[in-house]
Amino acid sequence: MSAENTAPEPWIRVVRGNPTPEEVAALTAVLAALASRATDAPASDPQRSSRWADRAALLRQPLRPGPGAWWASGLP
């Protein structure tokens, strides 16, 4: 019978260099924080901006001549 390797596959592998245990712990903490942030954000709820921040209000509307046009030109 052959002995099987039951050790789990590592998630992070150092390819070059010799990091200290503190550096590996910092990298692990950053990756864990990024992974948890990606799962916490709802994907279906888009961010809504206020009408004050809407840049479309800066675009000029077409002119509509007629009675009361001067008053209506200042309305959104």
N, C-alpha and C. Protein backbone atom coordinates (compact mmCIF):
# COMPACT_ATOMS: atom_id res chain seq x y z
N MET A 1 0.83 -1.17 0.00
CA MET A 1 0.00 0.00 0.00
C MET A 1 0.88 1.24 0.00
N SER A 2 0.40 2.27 -0.66
CA SER A 2 1.15 3.52 -0.69
C SER A 2 0.49 4.53 0.25
N ALA A 3 1.31 5.34 0.85
CA ALA A 3 0.80 6.37 1.76
C ALA A 3 0.35 7.58 0.93
N GLU A 4 -0.86 8.04 1.22
CA GLU A 4 -1.39 9.19 0.50
C GLU A 4 -1.00 10.47 1.23
N ASN A 5 -0.78 11.51 0.45
CA ASN A 5 -0.48 12.83 1.03
C ASN A 5 -1.81 13.48 1.39
N THR A 6 -2.09 13.60 2.68
CA THR A 6 -3.37 14.14 3.13
C THR A 6 -3.28 15.62 3.48
N ALA A 7 -2.11 16.23 3.27
CA ALA A 7 -1.97 17.65 3.57
C ALA A 7 -2.74 18.46 2.52
N PRO A 8 -3.49 19.47 2.97
CA PRO A 8 -4.27 20.27 2.00
C PRO A 8 -3.34 21.10 1.11
N GLU A 9 -3.84 21.38 -0.07
CA GLU A 9 -3.10 22.21 -1.02
C GLU A 9 -3.04 23.65 -0.49
N PRO A 10 -1.87 24.31 -0.51
CA PRO A 10 -1.79 25.68 0.00
C PRO A 10 -2.54 26.65 -0.91
N TRP A 11 -3.16 27.68 -0.31
CA TRP A 11 -3.89 28.68 -1.08
C TRP A 11 -2.96 29.74 -1.62
N ILE A 12 -1.90 30.03 -0.89
CA ILE A 12 -0.92 31.03 -1.30
C ILE A 12 0.42 30.34 -1.43
N ARG A 13 1.10 30.62 -2.53
CA ARG A 13 2.41 30.02 -2.74
C ARG A 13 3.40 31.13 -3.06
N VAL A 14 4.53 31.16 -2.36
CA VAL A 14 5.57 32.14 -2.61
C VAL A 14 6.43 31.61 -3.74
N VAL A 15 6.48 32.39 -4.83
CA VAL A 15 7.21 31.94 -6.01
C VAL A 15 8.66 32.43 -5.96
N ARG A 16 8.88 33.63 -5.45
CA ARG A 16 10.22 34.19 -5.44
C ARG A 16 10.43 34.94 -4.13
N GLY A 17 11.61 34.86 -3.60
CA GLY A 17 11.95 35.59 -2.38
C GLY A 17 11.74 34.73 -1.14
N ASN A 18 11.96 35.33 0.00
CA ASN A 18 11.83 34.64 1.27
C ASN A 18 11.08 35.56 2.24
N PRO A 19 9.74 35.57 2.20
CA PRO A 19 9.00 36.48 3.06
C PRO A 19 9.03 36.03 4.52
N THR A 20 8.93 37.00 5.40
CA THR A 20 8.85 36.70 6.83
C THR A 20 7.44 36.25 7.17
N PRO A 21 7.26 35.60 8.28
CA PRO A 21 5.90 35.22 8.68
C PRO A 21 4.96 36.42 8.82
N GLU A 22 5.49 37.58 9.23
CA GLU A 22 4.66 38.78 9.34
C GLU A 22 4.18 39.25 7.97
N GLU A 23 5.04 39.17 6.96
CA GLU A 23 4.66 39.56 5.60
C GLU A 23 3.60 38.63 5.03
N VAL A 24 3.72 37.36 5.29
CA VAL A 24 2.72 36.39 4.83
C VAL A 24 1.39 36.64 5.54
N ALA A 25 1.45 36.96 6.84
CA ALA A 25 0.23 37.24 7.60
C ALA A 25 -0.45 38.51 7.08
N ALA A 26 0.33 39.54 6.73
CA ALA A 26 -0.24 40.77 6.20
C ALA A 26 -0.90 40.50 4.85
N LEU A 27 -0.27 39.73 3.99
CA LEU A 27 -0.85 39.40 2.70
C LEU A 27 -2.14 38.60 2.87
N THR A 28 -2.15 37.68 3.79
CA THR A 28 -3.34 36.88 4.05
C THR A 28 -4.48 37.76 4.56
N ALA A 29 -4.18 38.72 5.42
CA ALA A 29 -5.21 39.62 5.94
C ALA A 29 -5.80 40.48 4.83
N VAL A 30 -4.96 40.97 3.94
CA VAL A 30 -5.45 41.80 2.82
C VAL A 30 -6.33 40.98 1.89
N LEU A 31 -5.90 39.78 1.55
CA LEU A 31 -6.71 38.94 0.66
C LEU A 31 -8.03 38.53 1.31
N ALA A 32 -8.02 38.28 2.61
CA ALA A 32 -9.26 37.93 3.30
C ALA A 32 -10.22 39.12 3.34
N ALA A 33 -9.68 40.33 3.54
CA ALA A 33 -10.53 41.53 3.56
C ALA A 33 -11.13 41.79 2.19
N LEU A 34 -10.35 41.61 1.13
CA LEU A 34 -10.87 41.80 -0.21
C LEU A 34 -11.94 40.77 -0.55
N ALA A 35 -11.73 39.54 -0.11
CA ALA A 35 -12.71 38.48 -0.38
C ALA A 35 -14.01 38.73 0.37
N SER A 36 -13.95 39.22 1.61
CA SER A 36 -15.17 39.47 2.36
C SER A 36 -15.90 40.70 1.84
N ARG A 37 -15.17 41.69 1.36
CA ARG A 37 -15.81 42.88 0.81
C ARG A 37 -16.55 42.55 -0.48
N ALA A 38 -16.02 41.64 -1.27
CA ALA A 38 -16.66 41.27 -2.52
C ALA A 38 -17.97 40.53 -2.28
N THR A 39 -18.10 39.80 -1.19
CA THR A 39 -19.33 39.06 -0.92
C THR A 39 -20.35 39.90 -0.16
N ASP A 40 -19.92 40.99 0.50
CA ASP A 40 -20.85 41.82 1.27
C ASP A 40 -21.67 42.77 0.40
N ALA A 41 -21.14 43.19 -0.73
CA ALA A 41 -21.81 44.19 -1.56
C ALA A 41 -22.97 43.56 -2.33
N PRO A 42 -24.17 44.15 -2.25
CA PRO A 42 -25.28 43.62 -3.04
C PRO A 42 -25.08 43.95 -4.51
N ALA A 43 -25.24 42.96 -5.37
CA ALA A 43 -24.97 43.15 -6.79
C ALA A 43 -26.15 43.78 -7.52
N SER A 44 -27.36 43.66 -7.00
CA SER A 44 -28.53 44.12 -7.74
C SER A 44 -28.97 45.54 -7.37
N ASP A 45 -28.38 46.16 -6.35
CA ASP A 45 -28.80 47.49 -5.92
C ASP A 45 -27.79 48.53 -6.41
N PRO A 46 -28.09 49.22 -7.52
CA PRO A 46 -27.15 50.22 -8.02
C PRO A 46 -27.14 51.47 -7.14
N GLN A 47 -26.04 52.17 -7.16
CA GLN A 47 -25.92 53.40 -6.38
C GLN A 47 -26.77 54.48 -7.04
N ARG A 48 -27.57 55.16 -6.26
CA ARG A 48 -28.40 56.24 -6.77
C ARG A 48 -27.75 57.57 -6.43
N SER A 49 -27.72 58.46 -7.40
CA SER A 49 -27.17 59.78 -7.14
C SER A 49 -28.32 60.77 -7.00
N SER A 50 -28.05 61.86 -6.33
CA SER A 50 -29.09 62.85 -6.11
C SER A 50 -29.30 63.68 -7.37
N ARG A 51 -30.42 64.36 -7.44
CA ARG A 51 -30.68 65.22 -8.59
C ARG A 51 -29.75 66.41 -8.58
N TRP A 52 -29.22 66.77 -7.42
CA TRP A 52 -28.29 67.88 -7.36
C TRP A 52 -26.99 67.53 -8.07
N ALA A 53 -26.60 66.27 -8.03
CA ALA A 53 -25.35 65.84 -8.65
C ALA A 53 -25.54 65.43 -10.11
N ASP A 54 -26.75 65.50 -10.63
CA ASP A 54 -27.02 65.09 -12.01
C ASP A 54 -26.43 66.11 -12.98
N ARG A 55 -25.51 65.68 -13.83
CA ARG A 55 -24.85 66.57 -14.78
C ARG A 55 -25.74 66.89 -15.98
N ALA A 56 -26.81 66.17 -16.17
CA ALA A 56 -27.71 66.44 -17.29
C ALA A 56 -28.41 67.78 -17.14
N ALA A 57 -28.52 68.29 -15.92
CA ALA A 57 -29.17 69.57 -15.71
C ALA A 57 -28.35 70.71 -16.30
N LEU A 58 -27.06 70.47 -16.53
CA LEU A 58 -26.21 71.52 -17.09
C LEU A 58 -26.37 71.63 -18.61
N LEU A 59 -26.96 70.62 -19.24
CA LEU A 59 -27.16 70.67 -20.68
C LEU A 59 -28.31 71.60 -21.01
N ARG A 60 -28.18 72.31 -22.09
CA ARG A 60 -29.21 73.26 -22.48
C ARG A 60 -30.39 72.53 -23.11
N GLN A 61 -31.59 72.90 -22.70
CA GLN A 61 -32.82 72.33 -23.25
C GLN A 61 -33.19 73.10 -24.52
N PRO A 62 -33.94 72.49 -25.43
CA PRO A 62 -34.34 73.21 -26.63
C PRO A 62 -35.25 74.39 -26.28
N LEU A 63 -35.13 75.44 -27.07
CA LEU A 63 -35.95 76.64 -26.85
C LEU A 63 -37.38 76.38 -27.29
N ARG A 64 -38.33 76.86 -26.50
CA ARG A 64 -39.75 76.72 -26.83
C ARG A 64 -40.37 78.11 -26.82
N PRO A 65 -40.44 78.76 -27.97
CA PRO A 65 -41.01 80.11 -28.00
C PRO A 65 -42.51 80.07 -27.75
N GLY A 66 -43.01 81.15 -27.21
CA GLY A 66 -44.44 81.26 -26.98
C GLY A 66 -44.72 82.01 -25.70
N PRO A 67 -46.01 82.13 -25.36
CA PRO A 67 -46.39 82.83 -24.13
C PRO A 67 -45.84 82.10 -22.90
N GLY A 68 -45.23 82.84 -22.01
CA GLY A 68 -44.69 82.27 -20.78
C GLY A 68 -43.36 81.54 -20.97
N ALA A 69 -42.73 81.66 -22.15
CA ALA A 69 -41.48 80.95 -22.41
C ALA A 69 -40.36 81.46 -21.51
N TRP A 70 -40.34 82.76 -21.22
CA TRP A 70 -39.31 83.31 -20.36
C TRP A 70 -39.39 82.69 -18.97
N TRP A 71 -40.61 82.44 -18.51
CA TRP A 71 -40.78 81.85 -17.18
C TRP A 71 -40.42 80.38 -17.19
N ALA A 72 -40.83 79.65 -18.22
CA ALA A 72 -40.56 78.22 -18.33
C ALA A 72 -39.10 77.92 -18.57
N SER A 73 -38.32 78.88 -19.08
CA SER A 73 -36.90 78.64 -19.36
C SER A 73 -36.09 78.43 -18.09
N GLY A 74 -36.58 78.91 -16.97
CA GLY A 74 -35.86 78.75 -15.72
C GLY A 74 -36.27 77.51 -14.95
N LEU A 75 -37.21 76.75 -15.47
CA LEU A 75 -37.68 75.54 -14.79
C LEU A 75 -36.90 74.32 -15.27
N PRO A 76 -36.76 73.33 -14.42
CA PRO A 76 -36.04 72.12 -14.86
C PRO A 76 -36.85 71.30 -15.84
